[in-house]
Amino acid sequence: TPFDRNYGTKLGVKAVLWMSEKLQEVYRKGRVFANSGDSACVIGLRKKVVAFSPVTELKKVTDFEHRLPQEQWWLNLRLMLKMLANYQISLTEYISGTMEHVTRRTLSIEKGF
């Protein structure tokens, strides 16, 4: 959409400005010393603010096997979304904040899927 292209352009500009600032900080006597933790970052939204997250920090909170964050804050919204969609749900049986990953290992005919 046009919004996505516009937003992508803004993030691109912020990323280039950030890289320029970092290069100026670590450039000494004709060499670049980029050995700090924030020399490799990912740009994105964090609590409504565009932020740069060091890759070393993201490694601690990422589930690489399933390519998801370890803590998924939006799972607690599932109950409310089902209520808004007029699902017939029981509030006593609903467990919020948990999700099972479906993999080939968990699917089997003997276990009844």
N, C-alpha and C. Protein backbone atom coordinates (compact mmCIF):
# COMPACT_ATOMS: atom_id res chain seq x y z
N THR A 1 0.84 -1.18 0.00
CA THR A 1 0.00 0.00 0.00
C THR A 1 0.88 1.24 0.00
N PRO A 2 0.32 2.37 -0.36
CA PRO A 2 1.11 3.61 -0.31
C PRO A 2 1.62 3.92 1.10
N PHE A 3 0.84 3.58 2.12
CA PHE A 3 1.29 3.80 3.50
C PHE A 3 2.56 3.00 3.78
N ASP A 4 2.57 1.73 3.37
CA ASP A 4 3.74 0.88 3.61
C ASP A 4 4.97 1.41 2.89
N ARG A 5 4.80 1.86 1.64
CA ARG A 5 5.94 2.40 0.89
C ARG A 5 6.46 3.68 1.56
N ASN A 6 5.56 4.53 2.00
CA ASN A 6 5.95 5.76 2.68
C ASN A 6 6.67 5.45 3.99
N TYR A 7 6.13 4.53 4.76
CA TYR A 7 6.73 4.17 6.04
C TYR A 7 8.10 3.51 5.82
N GLY A 8 8.20 2.66 4.81
CA GLY A 8 9.48 2.02 4.48
C GLY A 8 10.53 3.05 4.10
N THR A 9 10.13 4.07 3.37
CA THR A 9 11.06 5.14 3.00
C THR A 9 11.54 5.89 4.24
N LYS A 10 10.62 6.19 5.16
CA LYS A 10 11.01 6.88 6.38
C LYS A 10 11.97 6.04 7.22
N LEU A 11 11.70 4.74 7.33
CA LEU A 11 12.61 3.87 8.08
C LEU A 11 13.96 3.78 7.40
N GLY A 12 13.96 3.76 6.07
CA GLY A 12 15.22 3.72 5.33
C GLY A 12 16.06 4.95 5.58
N VAL A 13 15.43 6.12 5.59
CA VAL A 13 16.16 7.37 5.85
C VAL A 13 16.73 7.35 7.26
N LYS A 14 15.92 6.92 8.24
CA LYS A 14 16.41 6.86 9.63
C LYS A 14 17.58 5.88 9.75
N ALA A 15 17.51 4.77 9.02
CA ALA A 15 18.59 3.78 9.08
C ALA A 15 19.89 4.35 8.50
N VAL A 16 19.78 5.06 7.38
CA VAL A 16 20.98 5.64 6.76
C VAL A 16 21.57 6.72 7.66
N LEU A 17 20.73 7.56 8.25
CA LEU A 17 21.24 8.58 9.18
C LEU A 17 21.92 7.94 10.39
N TRP A 18 21.33 6.85 10.91
CA TRP A 18 21.93 6.16 12.05
C TRP A 18 23.29 5.58 11.67
N MET A 19 23.36 4.96 10.48
CA MET A 19 24.64 4.38 10.03
C MET A 19 25.69 5.47 9.87
N SER A 20 25.31 6.63 9.34
CA SER A 20 26.26 7.73 9.17
C SER A 20 26.79 8.20 10.52
N GLU A 21 25.90 8.34 11.50
CA GLU A 21 26.33 8.75 12.84
C GLU A 21 27.27 7.72 13.47
N LYS A 22 26.92 6.43 13.32
CA LYS A 22 27.76 5.37 13.90
C LYS A 22 29.14 5.35 13.25
N LEU A 23 29.18 5.53 11.93
CA LEU A 23 30.48 5.54 11.24
C LEU A 23 31.34 6.71 11.70
N GLN A 24 30.72 7.86 11.94
CA GLN A 24 31.49 9.00 12.43
C GLN A 24 32.01 8.74 13.84
N GLU A 25 31.24 8.03 14.66
CA GLU A 25 31.66 7.75 16.03
C GLU A 25 32.84 6.78 16.08
N VAL A 26 32.86 5.79 15.20
CA VAL A 26 33.86 4.73 15.30
C VAL A 26 35.02 4.88 14.31
N TYR A 27 35.01 5.94 13.53
CA TYR A 27 36.08 6.16 12.55
C TYR A 27 37.24 6.88 13.22
N ARG A 28 38.42 6.22 13.23
CA ARG A 28 39.61 6.80 13.84
C ARG A 28 40.83 6.51 12.97
N LYS A 29 41.53 7.54 12.59
CA LYS A 29 42.80 7.43 11.86
C LYS A 29 42.67 6.53 10.62
N GLY A 30 41.62 6.72 9.88
CA GLY A 30 41.45 5.98 8.63
C GLY A 30 40.91 4.57 8.79
N ARG A 31 40.53 4.18 10.00
CA ARG A 31 40.00 2.84 10.24
C ARG A 31 38.67 2.92 10.98
N VAL A 32 37.87 1.89 10.79
CA VAL A 32 36.56 1.81 11.46
C VAL A 32 36.64 0.72 12.51
N PHE A 33 36.33 1.08 13.76
CA PHE A 33 36.33 0.13 14.87
C PHE A 33 34.88 -0.09 15.31
N ALA A 34 34.23 -1.04 14.69
CA ALA A 34 32.82 -1.33 14.99
C ALA A 34 32.73 -2.64 15.76
N ASN A 35 33.25 -2.64 16.97
CA ASN A 35 33.25 -3.87 17.77
C ASN A 35 32.37 -3.77 19.01
N SER A 36 31.50 -2.77 19.07
CA SER A 36 30.59 -2.66 20.21
C SER A 36 29.30 -3.42 19.92
N GLY A 37 28.49 -3.62 20.94
CA GLY A 37 27.26 -4.38 20.80
C GLY A 37 26.23 -3.72 19.92
N ASP A 38 26.27 -2.38 19.85
CA ASP A 38 25.26 -1.70 19.04
C ASP A 38 25.73 -1.40 17.61
N SER A 39 26.79 -2.06 17.17
CA SER A 39 27.24 -1.84 15.79
C SER A 39 26.39 -2.62 14.78
N ALA A 40 25.63 -3.58 15.24
CA ALA A 40 24.69 -4.32 14.37
C ALA A 40 23.31 -4.23 15.01
N CYS A 41 22.41 -3.49 14.37
CA CYS A 41 21.08 -3.25 14.94
C CYS A 41 19.98 -3.52 13.91
N VAL A 42 18.77 -3.68 14.43
CA VAL A 42 17.57 -3.84 13.61
C VAL A 42 16.65 -2.67 13.94
N ILE A 43 16.11 -2.03 12.92
CA ILE A 43 15.21 -0.91 13.14
C ILE A 43 13.78 -1.43 13.18
N GLY A 44 12.98 -0.86 14.07
CA GLY A 44 11.59 -1.28 14.17
C GLY A 44 10.84 -0.48 15.22
N LEU A 45 9.57 -0.79 15.39
CA LEU A 45 8.76 -0.11 16.39
C LEU A 45 8.87 -0.81 17.73
N ARG A 46 9.05 -0.03 18.76
CA ARG A 46 9.04 -0.55 20.13
C ARG A 46 8.21 0.42 20.96
N LYS A 47 7.01 -0.03 21.35
CA LYS A 47 6.08 0.79 22.13
C LYS A 47 5.83 2.13 21.45
N LYS A 48 5.41 2.10 20.20
CA LYS A 48 5.01 3.26 19.40
C LYS A 48 6.16 4.18 19.03
N VAL A 49 7.40 3.78 19.24
CA VAL A 49 8.54 4.61 18.94
C VAL A 49 9.48 3.83 18.02
N VAL A 50 9.97 4.48 16.98
CA VAL A 50 10.96 3.84 16.12
C VAL A 50 12.26 3.73 16.90
N ALA A 51 12.78 2.51 17.01
CA ALA A 51 13.97 2.28 17.82
C ALA A 51 14.91 1.31 17.11
N PHE A 52 16.18 1.43 17.45
CA PHE A 52 17.20 0.51 16.96
C PHE A 52 17.50 -0.49 18.07
N SER A 53 17.34 -1.77 17.76
CA SER A 53 17.58 -2.83 18.74
C SER A 53 18.84 -3.59 18.35
N PRO A 54 19.84 -3.63 19.23
CA PRO A 54 21.04 -4.41 18.92
C PRO A 54 20.72 -5.89 18.73
N VAL A 55 21.36 -6.50 17.79
CA VAL A 55 21.12 -7.91 17.48
C VAL A 55 21.44 -8.80 18.68
N THR A 56 22.42 -8.40 19.47
CA THR A 56 22.77 -9.20 20.65
C THR A 56 21.62 -9.26 21.65
N GLU A 57 20.85 -8.16 21.77
CA GLU A 57 19.68 -8.16 22.65
C GLU A 57 18.54 -8.98 22.06
N LEU A 58 18.34 -8.88 20.76
CA LEU A 58 17.26 -9.63 20.12
C LEU A 58 17.50 -11.13 20.19
N LYS A 59 18.75 -11.54 20.20
CA LYS A 59 19.08 -12.96 20.27
C LYS A 59 18.56 -13.57 21.58
N LYS A 60 18.55 -12.78 22.65
CA LYS A 60 18.12 -13.28 23.96
C LYS A 60 16.61 -13.51 24.03
N VAL A 61 15.82 -12.80 23.23
CA VAL A 61 14.36 -12.86 23.34
C VAL A 61 13.70 -13.49 22.12
N THR A 62 14.46 -14.22 21.30
CA THR A 62 13.92 -14.79 20.07
C THR A 62 13.93 -16.31 20.12
N ASP A 63 12.83 -16.92 19.68
CA ASP A 63 12.73 -18.36 19.52
C ASP A 63 13.09 -18.66 18.06
N PHE A 64 14.34 -19.06 17.83
CA PHE A 64 14.83 -19.23 16.46
C PHE A 64 14.19 -20.43 15.76
N GLU A 65 13.83 -21.46 16.50
CA GLU A 65 13.23 -22.64 15.87
C GLU A 65 11.90 -22.29 15.20
N HIS A 66 11.09 -21.46 15.89
CA HIS A 66 9.77 -21.11 15.35
C HIS A 66 9.73 -19.72 14.73
N ARG A 67 10.86 -19.02 14.77
CA ARG A 67 10.98 -17.68 14.18
C ARG A 67 9.96 -16.71 14.78
N LEU A 68 9.86 -16.72 16.10
CA LEU A 68 8.92 -15.88 16.84
C LEU A 68 9.60 -15.32 18.07
N PRO A 69 9.07 -14.23 18.63
CA PRO A 69 9.58 -13.78 19.93
C PRO A 69 9.21 -14.79 21.01
N GLN A 70 10.03 -14.90 22.04
CA GLN A 70 9.73 -15.83 23.13
C GLN A 70 8.52 -15.38 23.92
N GLU A 71 8.37 -14.08 24.12
CA GLU A 71 7.21 -13.55 24.82
C GLU A 71 6.34 -12.82 23.81
N GLN A 72 5.12 -13.29 23.64
CA GLN A 72 4.22 -12.71 22.65
C GLN A 72 3.08 -12.00 23.37
N TRP A 73 3.19 -10.72 23.50
CA TRP A 73 2.23 -9.93 24.27
C TRP A 73 0.84 -9.98 23.69
N TRP A 74 0.73 -10.18 22.40
CA TRP A 74 -0.59 -10.14 21.75
C TRP A 74 -1.42 -11.39 22.02
N LEU A 75 -0.83 -12.44 22.56
CA LEU A 75 -1.61 -13.63 22.86
C LEU A 75 -2.65 -13.37 23.94
N ASN A 76 -2.40 -12.42 24.81
CA ASN A 76 -3.38 -12.09 25.84
C ASN A 76 -4.61 -11.38 25.28
N LEU A 77 -4.54 -10.94 24.04
CA LEU A 77 -5.68 -10.26 23.41
C LEU A 77 -6.63 -11.24 22.73
N ARG A 78 -6.27 -12.51 22.65
CA ARG A 78 -7.08 -13.48 21.91
C ARG A 78 -8.48 -13.63 22.49
N LEU A 79 -8.61 -13.62 23.81
CA LEU A 79 -9.92 -13.74 24.44
C LEU A 79 -10.81 -12.56 24.04
N MET A 80 -10.27 -11.37 24.11
CA MET A 80 -11.05 -10.19 23.75
C MET A 80 -11.46 -10.23 22.28
N LEU A 81 -10.55 -10.66 21.41
CA LEU A 81 -10.86 -10.74 19.98
C LEU A 81 -11.97 -11.75 19.71
N LYS A 82 -11.94 -12.87 20.41
CA LYS A 82 -13.00 -13.87 20.23
C LYS A 82 -14.33 -13.34 20.74
N MET A 83 -14.28 -12.58 21.83
CA MET A 83 -15.51 -12.01 22.35
C MET A 83 -16.09 -10.99 21.37
N LEU A 84 -15.23 -10.17 20.77
CA LEU A 84 -15.68 -9.18 19.80
C LEU A 84 -16.22 -9.83 18.53
N ALA A 85 -15.73 -11.02 18.21
CA ALA A 85 -16.19 -11.74 17.02
C ALA A 85 -17.40 -12.62 17.31
N ASN A 86 -17.98 -12.49 18.51
CA ASN A 86 -19.18 -13.24 18.92
C ASN A 86 -18.97 -14.75 18.96
N TYR A 87 -17.77 -15.19 19.34
CA TYR A 87 -17.54 -16.61 19.56
C TYR A 87 -18.26 -17.01 20.84
N GLN A 88 -18.76 -18.23 20.87
CA GLN A 88 -19.36 -18.77 22.10
C GLN A 88 -18.23 -19.43 22.89
N ILE A 89 -17.66 -18.69 23.83
CA ILE A 89 -16.51 -19.20 24.59
C ILE A 89 -16.84 -19.23 26.07
N SER A 90 -16.16 -20.12 26.77
CA SER A 90 -16.30 -20.21 28.21
C SER A 90 -15.11 -19.51 28.85
N LEU A 91 -15.37 -18.53 29.68
CA LEU A 91 -14.29 -17.80 30.31
C LEU A 91 -13.53 -18.64 31.32
N THR A 92 -14.15 -19.68 31.86
CA THR A 92 -13.48 -20.51 32.85
C THR A 92 -12.51 -21.50 32.21
N GLU A 93 -12.77 -21.91 30.98
CA GLU A 93 -11.92 -22.89 30.31
C GLU A 93 -10.84 -22.25 29.46
N TYR A 94 -10.96 -20.98 29.17
CA TYR A 94 -10.02 -20.33 28.26
C TYR A 94 -8.70 -20.06 28.96
N ILE A 95 -7.61 -20.44 28.32
CA ILE A 95 -6.27 -20.19 28.84
C ILE A 95 -5.62 -19.18 27.91
N SER A 96 -5.39 -17.99 28.39
CA SER A 96 -4.80 -16.97 27.52
C SER A 96 -3.29 -16.99 27.63
N GLY A 97 -2.64 -16.50 26.59
CA GLY A 97 -1.20 -16.35 26.61
C GLY A 97 -0.41 -17.59 26.29
N THR A 98 -1.06 -18.67 25.85
CA THR A 98 -0.30 -19.86 25.48
C THR A 98 -0.63 -20.22 24.04
N MET A 99 0.35 -20.77 23.35
CA MET A 99 0.15 -21.17 21.98
C MET A 99 1.03 -22.38 21.70
N GLU A 100 0.45 -23.39 21.07
CA GLU A 100 1.23 -24.56 20.70
C GLU A 100 1.70 -24.39 19.27
N HIS A 101 2.94 -24.74 19.03
CA HIS A 101 3.47 -24.69 17.68
C HIS A 101 3.14 -25.99 16.97
N VAL A 102 2.64 -25.88 15.77
CA VAL A 102 2.30 -27.07 15.00
C VAL A 102 3.51 -27.42 14.13
N THR A 103 4.04 -28.59 14.37
CA THR A 103 5.16 -29.07 13.58
C THR A 103 4.84 -30.47 13.11
N ARG A 104 5.66 -31.00 12.26
CA ARG A 104 5.45 -32.36 11.78
C ARG A 104 5.58 -33.37 12.90
N ARG A 105 6.38 -33.05 13.92
CA ARG A 105 6.56 -33.96 15.03
C ARG A 105 5.28 -34.10 15.86
N THR A 106 4.46 -33.04 15.92
CA THR A 106 3.28 -33.09 16.77
C THR A 106 2.06 -33.64 16.02
N LEU A 107 2.13 -33.73 14.71
CA LEU A 107 1.01 -34.26 13.94
C LEU A 107 1.21 -35.76 13.72
N SER A 108 0.24 -36.56 14.16
CA SER A 108 0.32 -37.98 13.89
C SER A 108 -1.08 -38.57 13.94
N ILE A 109 -1.30 -39.60 13.15
CA ILE A 109 -2.61 -40.24 13.08
C ILE A 109 -2.87 -41.03 14.36
N GLU A 110 -1.80 -41.64 14.93
CA GLU A 110 -1.97 -42.44 16.14
C GLU A 110 -2.45 -41.60 17.31
N LYS A 111 -2.00 -40.37 17.40
CA LYS A 111 -2.38 -39.50 18.51
C LYS A 111 -3.69 -38.76 18.23
N GLY A 112 -4.27 -38.97 17.06
CA GLY A 112 -5.51 -38.28 16.73
C GLY A 112 -5.28 -36.84 16.35
N PHE A 113 -4.14 -36.59 15.73
CA PHE A 113 -3.73 -35.25 15.33
C PHE A 113 -3.59 -34.41 16.57
